[in-house]
Amino acid sequence: QVRLVESGGGAVQPGGSLRLSCTASGFTLGYYIITWFRQAPGKELEWVSVIISGGGTLSYADSVSGRFTISRDNVKNPLYLQMNSLRPEETAVYYCVKSIGLPGELWGEGTQVTVSS
């Protein structure tokens, strides 16, 4: 069964850190473009970061650049999103997505991140 599962979310105080994981089953994660999105309550989906297959190209939204880092240990599982200096406005459900806008697009169910004192 082909699926993506996000994990690592939780509650953290402002300024804190979390590391999200994106784990794939049924395919090799590292062969695909993997994108992180987030959706805050009552707001539109927001692009966060992307890693091109092989990890040679990384890109970040301006709002997270310098604080978030996308990485992987190898082409297999998992893919990580290290999030530092978190802000309350970054409370959202975070999703990893395979091949966004392409054939075979696949979304995970998301993981909740809550930043609050």
Protein backbone atom coordinates (compact mmCIF):
# COMPACT_ATOMS: atom_id res chain seq x y z
CA GLN A 1 0.00 0.00 0.00
CA VAL A 2 1.35 3.39 -1.05
CA ARG A 3 1.13 5.98 1.69
CA LEU A 4 2.86 8.81 3.51
CA VAL A 5 2.76 9.29 7.25
CA GLU A 6 3.85 12.40 9.10
CA SER A 7 4.89 12.25 12.73
CA GLY A 8 6.71 14.28 15.34
CA GLY A 9 4.15 16.97 15.89
CA GLY A 10 3.12 18.13 19.30
CA ALA A 11 2.94 21.10 21.61
CA VAL A 12 5.93 23.36 22.12
CA GLN A 13 6.53 26.78 23.63
CA PRO A 14 7.45 29.75 21.45
CA GLY A 15 11.11 29.56 20.59
CA GLY A 16 11.12 25.81 20.89
CA SER A 17 11.95 23.13 18.36
CA LEU A 18 10.34 20.08 16.83
CA ARG A 19 11.46 17.59 14.24
CA LEU A 20 8.81 16.25 11.94
CA SER A 21 9.26 13.02 10.05
CA CYS A 22 7.73 11.95 6.76
CA THR A 23 7.73 8.20 6.25
CA ALA A 24 6.74 6.39 3.09
CA SER A 25 5.49 2.92 2.50
CA GLY A 26 5.18 1.30 -0.88
CA PHE A 27 7.79 3.47 -2.59
CA THR A 28 11.26 4.94 -2.06
CA LEU A 29 10.90 8.44 -0.71
CA GLY A 30 14.18 9.75 -2.01
CA TYR A 31 13.29 9.25 -5.65
CA TYR A 32 10.60 11.91 -5.58
CA ILE A 33 10.02 15.60 -5.01
CA ILE A 34 8.74 15.91 -1.45
CA THR A 35 7.09 19.10 -0.31
CA TRP A 36 6.06 20.25 3.13
CA PHE A 37 2.92 22.31 3.52
CA ARG A 38 1.10 23.59 6.56
CA GLN A 39 -2.40 24.81 7.23
CA ALA A 40 -3.23 26.97 10.19
CA PRO A 41 -6.77 27.10 11.56
CA GLY A 42 -8.98 29.16 9.28
CA LYS A 43 -6.15 29.86 6.85
CA GLU A 44 -5.13 28.66 3.43
CA LEU A 45 -2.58 26.01 2.78
CA GLU A 46 0.95 27.41 2.94
CA TRP A 47 4.03 26.02 1.21
CA VAL A 48 6.93 25.48 3.65
CA SER A 49 9.76 23.61 1.97
CA VAL A 50 10.68 21.25 -0.83
CA ILE A 51 13.40 18.74 -1.48
CA ILE A 52 14.09 17.53 -4.99
CA SER A 53 14.76 13.82 -5.47
CA GLY A 54 18.29 12.98 -4.41
CA GLY A 55 18.42 15.92 -2.03
CA GLY A 56 20.46 18.12 -4.35
CA THR A 57 17.98 20.97 -4.30
CA LEU A 58 16.27 22.39 -1.25
CA SER A 59 14.06 25.41 -0.99
CA TYR A 60 12.25 27.17 1.83
CA ALA A 61 9.53 29.73 2.23
CA ASP A 62 10.93 33.09 3.32
CA SER A 63 8.98 32.85 6.55
CA VAL A 64 10.90 29.75 7.67
CA SER A 65 14.25 30.22 5.97
CA GLY A 66 17.08 30.02 8.48
CA ARG A 67 14.90 28.28 11.07
CA PHE A 68 13.64 25.17 9.30
CA THR A 69 15.81 22.50 7.72
CA ILE A 70 14.67 19.67 5.50
CA SER A 71 16.90 16.63 5.37
CA ARG A 72 17.13 12.89 4.92
CA ASP A 73 19.63 10.24 5.95
CA ASN A 74 19.42 8.36 2.65
CA VAL A 75 17.03 7.85 -0.23
CA LYS A 76 14.85 5.67 1.93
CA ASN A 77 12.97 6.68 5.01
CA PRO A 78 12.40 8.99 6.65
CA LEU A 79 12.51 12.61 5.54
CA TYR A 80 12.83 15.19 8.29
CA LEU A 81 11.76 18.78 8.82
CA GLN A 82 13.70 20.29 11.69
CA MET A 83 11.85 23.34 12.97
CA ASN A 84 13.61 25.75 15.31
CA SER A 85 12.58 29.03 16.93
CA LEU A 86 8.94 28.20 16.45
CA ARG A 87 6.37 30.97 16.63
CA PRO A 88 2.73 30.87 17.77
CA GLU A 89 1.55 31.74 14.27
CA GLU A 90 3.16 28.53 13.05
CA THR A 91 0.56 26.47 14.84
CA ALA A 92 -0.82 24.34 12.04
CA VAL A 93 -1.24 20.89 10.62
CA TYR A 94 1.89 20.00 8.69
CA TYR A 95 1.72 17.76 5.64
CA CYS A 96 4.32 16.09 3.49
CA VAL A 97 3.37 15.58 -0.12
CA LYS A 98 4.89 13.41 -2.83
CA SER A 99 5.05 14.74 -6.36
CA ILE A 100 2.85 17.78 -5.85
CA GLY A 101 1.03 18.67 -9.06
CA LEU A 102 2.34 15.60 -10.83
CA PRO A 103 0.95 12.15 -11.61
CA GLY A 104 1.12 10.08 -8.46
CA GLU A 105 0.60 13.03 -6.12
CA LEU A 106 0.19 11.68 -2.62
CA TRP A 107 -0.60 13.47 0.66
CA GLY A 108 -0.08 12.31 4.19
CA GLU A 109 -2.75 12.82 6.83
CA GLY A 110 -0.77 15.53 8.56
CA THR A 111 0.64 16.09 12.02
CA GLN A 112 -0.48 18.83 14.38
CA VAL A 113 2.05 21.37 15.62
CA THR A 114 0.92 23.70 18.39
CA VAL A 115 3.13 26.58 19.48
CA SER A 116 1.83 28.17 22.64
CA SER A 117 2.97 29.36 26.02
